[in-house]
C-alpha cells in the first residue's frame, strides 16, 4: 500500500508531471503569442480576432482566453513582451542590458550598450507599434496604453540620465531632464522606423549611428577622441 503522510516529500512522479504540465502550458502560451504577433502586424487591431489567434496557434478559443486573457490584455502583452524580449514582461531594472549598462564604467560604453539594446528591441517592437498607433484614434484603450508606455519610458530615461551623469562625462550644460528628454526622443520606435523601415538602413547601421550620435551630442569633447570627426555616418 502506497501511503503519503502530511509533511512527506511529494513523490518524484508527481513533480515530474507538474513540470511537464507547466512546460506544455508555456509552449501553448508561446504559440498563442507568436500567432497574435503575426496577425497584429499583418492585419492590425481590427484583424486581430481571438478566433484567428486560436486558429493560427492551433488551439481552442477557450485556451486563448485562459492563457492570455481578452483582446486588450493580449495586445498589452504583445507590446510588453516585445520590449522585454521574453514571453513574460520583465521590469526595466531586471533586464540584462540594464544591468550591463549600470555595470559599465564609462558614459560612452553605457550609450553603446543602450543603442545596441534599443536596436534589438525595436526590431521586435516597431511593427507592433505601427499597428497600435494606426488603431489608437478609434480605440481609446490602445491610445491610453501607448501613452502609458511612453510615459514609463520617459521615467526610465531620467534614471538612465542619473547613471550617465554619475560618470562625470556628460556635457556640463545638460541637466537631468534635458539629457533624459534627448535620449527619450531618439530611442522611440518611430525614430527606428523612419531610418530602418522607411529609409532602408540595416539595423547594424542604425545601432552604430545612434551610439555615435548620442556620444557626439551628450559627452564632453574629451569623450569623442575615439570616434573621429569626419562627419561620416557609421555603416
Protein backbone atom coordinates (compact mmCIF):
# COMPACT_ATOMS: atom_id res chain seq x y z
CA UNK A 1 0.00 0.00 0.00
CA UNK A 2 1.37 3.42 -1.00
CA UNK A 3 0.74 5.81 1.88
CA UNK A 4 1.59 9.51 1.77
CA UNK A 5 1.58 11.32 5.11
CA UNK A 6 1.48 15.08 5.64
CA UNK A 7 4.99 16.51 5.73
CA UNK A 8 6.45 13.84 3.46
CA UNK A 9 8.16 14.92 0.23
CA UNK A 10 6.00 14.89 -2.90
CA UNK A 11 6.55 11.77 -4.99
CA UNK A 12 9.04 12.24 -7.82
CA UNK A 13 6.41 11.16 -10.35
CA UNK A 14 4.04 13.92 -9.27
CA UNK A 15 6.81 16.55 -9.51
CA UNK A 16 7.66 15.32 -12.99
CA UNK A 17 4.04 15.51 -14.09
CA UNK A 18 3.75 19.02 -12.70
CA UNK A 19 6.85 20.17 -14.61
CA UNK A 20 5.55 18.52 -17.77
CA UNK A 21 2.20 20.32 -17.49
CA UNK A 22 3.95 23.62 -16.83
CA UNK A 23 6.22 23.20 -19.85
CA UNK A 24 3.24 22.30 -22.03
CA UNK A 25 1.31 25.36 -20.83
CA UNK A 26 4.31 27.59 -21.58
CA UNK A 27 4.63 26.17 -25.08
CA UNK A 28 0.95 26.78 -25.71
CA UNK A 29 1.22 30.36 -24.45
CA UNK A 30 4.28 30.97 -26.65
CA UNK A 31 2.42 29.64 -29.70
CA UNK A 32 -0.53 31.93 -28.95
CA UNK A 33 1.69 34.99 -28.58
CA UNK A 34 3.57 34.23 -31.80
CA UNK A 35 0.32 33.80 -33.70
CA UNK A 36 -1.03 37.04 -32.27
CA UNK A 37 2.16 38.95 -33.17
CA UNK A 38 1.94 37.87 -36.79
CA UNK A 39 -1.76 38.67 -37.06
CA UNK A 40 -1.35 42.06 -35.38
CA UNK A 41 1.48 43.02 -37.72
CA UNK A 42 -0.30 41.78 -40.84
CA UNK A 43 -3.93 42.69 -40.15
CA UNK A 44 -3.81 45.41 -37.50
CA UNK A 45 -6.00 45.60 -34.43
CA UNK A 46 -9.26 45.05 -36.30
CA UNK A 47 -7.98 41.86 -37.91
CA UNK A 48 -6.62 40.52 -34.65
CA UNK A 49 -9.61 38.42 -33.66
CA UNK A 50 -9.35 35.89 -30.90
CA UNK A 51 -10.79 33.26 -33.23
CA UNK A 52 -8.00 33.94 -35.74
CA UNK A 53 -5.39 33.70 -32.98
CA UNK A 54 -6.79 30.34 -31.85
CA UNK A 55 -6.90 29.02 -35.41
CA UNK A 56 -3.36 30.18 -36.24
CA UNK A 57 -1.95 28.81 -32.98
CA UNK A 58 -3.81 25.52 -33.41
CA UNK A 59 -5.62 25.69 -30.07
CA UNK A 60 -9.17 26.05 -28.83
CA UNK A 61 -10.63 29.53 -28.38
CA UNK A 62 -11.13 28.92 -24.65
CA UNK A 63 -7.43 28.10 -24.40
CA UNK A 64 -6.51 31.53 -25.79
CA UNK A 65 -8.62 33.31 -23.19
CA UNK A 66 -7.29 31.10 -20.39
CA UNK A 67 -3.64 31.64 -21.41
CA UNK A 68 -3.58 35.37 -22.19
CA UNK A 69 -6.96 36.93 -21.39
CA UNK A 70 -9.22 39.14 -23.58
CA UNK A 71 -8.04 41.06 -26.62
CA UNK A 72 -6.92 44.34 -24.92
CA UNK A 73 -4.87 42.33 -22.42
CA UNK A 74 -3.37 40.34 -25.29
CA UNK A 75 -2.28 43.50 -27.11
CA UNK A 76 -0.67 44.87 -23.95
CA UNK A 77 1.12 41.57 -23.52
CA UNK A 78 2.40 41.69 -27.10
CA UNK A 79 3.88 45.15 -26.52
CA UNK A 80 5.35 44.34 -23.11
CA UNK A 81 6.93 41.08 -24.25
CA UNK A 82 8.38 42.74 -27.34
CA UNK A 83 10.08 45.25 -25.04
CA UNK A 84 11.27 42.54 -22.64
CA UNK A 85 12.32 40.04 -25.30
CA UNK A 86 10.63 37.23 -23.39
CA UNK A 87 7.19 35.64 -23.24
CA UNK A 88 6.59 37.31 -19.88
CA UNK A 89 7.04 41.03 -19.14
CA UNK A 90 10.21 41.99 -17.27
CA UNK A 91 10.65 45.28 -15.43
CA UNK A 92 13.34 47.61 -16.74
CA UNK A 93 15.64 47.12 -13.77
CA UNK A 94 15.59 43.33 -14.21
CA UNK A 95 16.58 43.33 -17.88
CA UNK A 96 20.04 42.04 -18.70
CA UNK A 97 21.06 45.04 -20.78
CA UNK A 98 20.10 47.47 -17.99
CA UNK A 99 22.32 45.61 -15.55
CA UNK A 100 25.15 45.64 -18.09
CA UNK A 101 24.73 49.38 -18.60
CA UNK A 102 24.86 50.06 -14.88
CA UNK A 103 28.00 47.95 -14.55
CA UNK A 104 29.76 49.76 -17.42
CA UNK A 105 32.47 52.17 -16.35
CA UNK A 106 32.15 54.98 -18.91
CA UNK A 107 29.32 57.02 -20.35
CA UNK A 108 30.39 56.09 -23.88
CA UNK A 109 30.16 52.38 -23.09
CA UNK A 110 26.77 52.85 -21.46
CA UNK A 111 25.45 54.64 -24.55
CA UNK A 112 26.84 51.96 -26.88
CA UNK A 113 25.18 49.22 -24.84
CA UNK A 114 21.88 51.07 -24.83
CA UNK A 115 22.00 51.73 -28.58
CA UNK A 116 22.53 48.01 -29.18
CA UNK A 117 19.64 47.13 -26.84
CA UNK A 118 17.29 49.65 -28.46
CA UNK A 119 18.06 48.25 -31.91
CA UNK A 120 17.22 44.71 -30.78
CA UNK A 121 14.04 45.85 -29.02
CA UNK A 122 12.73 47.89 -31.93
CA UNK A 123 13.32 45.04 -34.35
CA UNK A 124 10.54 43.31 -32.38
CA UNK A 125 8.54 46.32 -31.25
CA UNK A 126 8.39 48.76 -34.17
CA UNK A 127 6.00 46.72 -36.39
CA UNK A 128 3.64 46.27 -33.43
CA UNK A 129 3.77 49.98 -32.63
CA UNK A 130 2.80 50.85 -36.19
CA UNK A 131 -0.31 48.68 -35.86
CA UNK A 132 -1.03 50.08 -32.40
CA UNK A 133 -0.78 53.71 -33.46
CA UNK A 134 -2.96 53.09 -36.51
CA UNK A 135 -5.73 51.74 -34.28
CA UNK A 136 -5.31 54.20 -31.39
CA UNK A 137 -7.51 57.05 -32.79
CA UNK A 138 -10.58 54.79 -32.76
CA UNK A 139 -9.59 52.69 -29.75
CA UNK A 140 -9.16 54.87 -26.63
CA UNK A 141 -7.86 51.92 -24.63
CA UNK A 142 -4.99 51.45 -27.07
CA UNK A 143 -4.21 55.16 -27.09
CA UNK A 144 -4.04 55.07 -23.29
CA UNK A 145 -1.78 52.02 -23.44
CA UNK A 146 0.70 53.70 -25.76
CA UNK A 147 0.69 56.90 -23.68
CA UNK A 148 1.35 54.84 -20.56
CA UNK A 149 4.32 53.13 -22.19
CA UNK A 150 5.70 56.43 -23.49
CA UNK A 151 5.41 57.99 -20.01
CA UNK A 152 7.12 54.99 -18.44
CA UNK A 153 9.93 55.23 -20.98
CA UNK A 154 10.39 58.89 -20.03
CA UNK A 155 10.65 57.98 -16.33
CA UNK A 156 13.18 55.27 -17.12
CA UNK A 157 15.25 57.76 -19.09
CA UNK A 158 15.54 60.00 -16.04
CA UNK A 159 17.07 57.07 -14.18
CA UNK A 160 19.40 56.46 -17.12
CA UNK A 161 20.33 60.15 -17.08
CA UNK A 162 21.29 59.86 -13.42
CA UNK A 163 23.52 56.90 -14.27
CA UNK A 164 25.19 58.83 -17.08
CA UNK A 165 25.65 62.00 -15.02
CA UNK A 166 27.34 60.00 -12.28
CA UNK A 167 30.24 59.27 -14.66
CA UNK A 168 31.14 62.97 -14.81
CA UNK A 169 31.48 62.71 -18.60
CA UNK A 170 28.25 64.40 -19.71
CA UNK A 171 28.32 67.95 -21.09
CA UNK A 172 28.04 70.49 -18.30
CA UNK A 173 25.19 72.36 -19.99
CA UNK A 174 22.90 69.31 -19.90
CA UNK A 175 20.82 68.82 -16.78
CA UNK A 176 18.99 65.64 -15.84
CA UNK A 177 15.68 66.43 -17.53
CA UNK A 178 17.21 67.73 -20.75
CA UNK A 179 19.53 64.74 -21.00
CA UNK A 180 16.63 62.34 -20.43
CA UNK A 181 14.42 64.08 -23.00
CA UNK A 182 17.10 63.95 -25.71
CA UNK A 183 17.63 60.22 -25.24
CA UNK A 184 13.87 59.63 -24.97
CA UNK A 185 13.22 61.33 -28.30
CA UNK A 186 15.85 59.24 -30.10
CA UNK A 187 15.07 55.86 -28.55
CA UNK A 188 11.45 55.97 -29.76
CA UNK A 189 10.28 53.21 -32.11
CA UNK A 190 9.16 55.93 -34.53
CA UNK A 191 12.80 57.04 -34.95
CA UNK A 192 13.88 53.48 -35.68
CA UNK A 193 11.01 53.06 -38.15
CA UNK A 194 11.95 56.21 -40.07
CA UNK A 195 15.53 55.10 -40.69
CA UNK A 196 15.30 51.30 -40.83
CA UNK A 197 11.87 50.72 -42.37
CA UNK A 198 11.35 53.91 -44.38
CA UNK A 199 14.94 54.68 -45.43
CA UNK A 200 16.17 51.10 -45.58
CA UNK A 201 19.05 51.32 -43.13
CA UNK A 202 20.37 47.94 -41.92
CA UNK A 203 19.78 47.58 -38.15
CA UNK A 204 23.54 47.42 -37.53
CA UNK A 205 24.00 50.77 -39.25
CA UNK A 206 21.20 52.26 -37.14
CA UNK A 207 22.80 50.92 -33.95
CA UNK A 208 26.20 52.44 -34.75
CA UNK A 209 24.66 55.72 -35.86
CA UNK A 210 22.57 56.02 -32.70
CA UNK A 211 25.54 55.35 -30.40
CA UNK A 212 27.71 57.80 -32.32
CA UNK A 213 25.02 60.49 -32.37
CA UNK A 214 24.45 60.20 -28.64
CA UNK A 215 28.17 60.39 -27.89
CA UNK A 216 28.60 63.46 -30.09
CA UNK A 217 25.56 65.17 -28.60
CA UNK A 218 25.96 64.30 -24.95
CA UNK A 219 29.61 63.81 -24.00
CA UNK A 220 32.22 66.39 -23.23
CA UNK A 221 34.77 66.97 -26.01
CA UNK A 222 37.35 64.66 -24.45
CA UNK A 223 34.83 61.81 -24.69
CA UNK A 224 34.95 61.97 -28.51
CA UNK A 225 38.57 61.07 -29.14
CA UNK A 226 37.97 57.55 -30.38
CA UNK A 227 35.10 58.43 -32.70
CA UNK A 228 36.68 60.76 -35.22
CA UNK A 229 35.20 63.99 -36.56
CA UNK A 230 34.91 63.40 -40.30
CA UNK A 231 31.11 63.51 -40.19
CA UNK A 232 30.63 60.16 -41.94
CA UNK A 233 27.60 58.14 -40.97
CA UNK A 234 28.70 54.83 -39.39
CA UNK A 235 27.92 51.80 -41.53
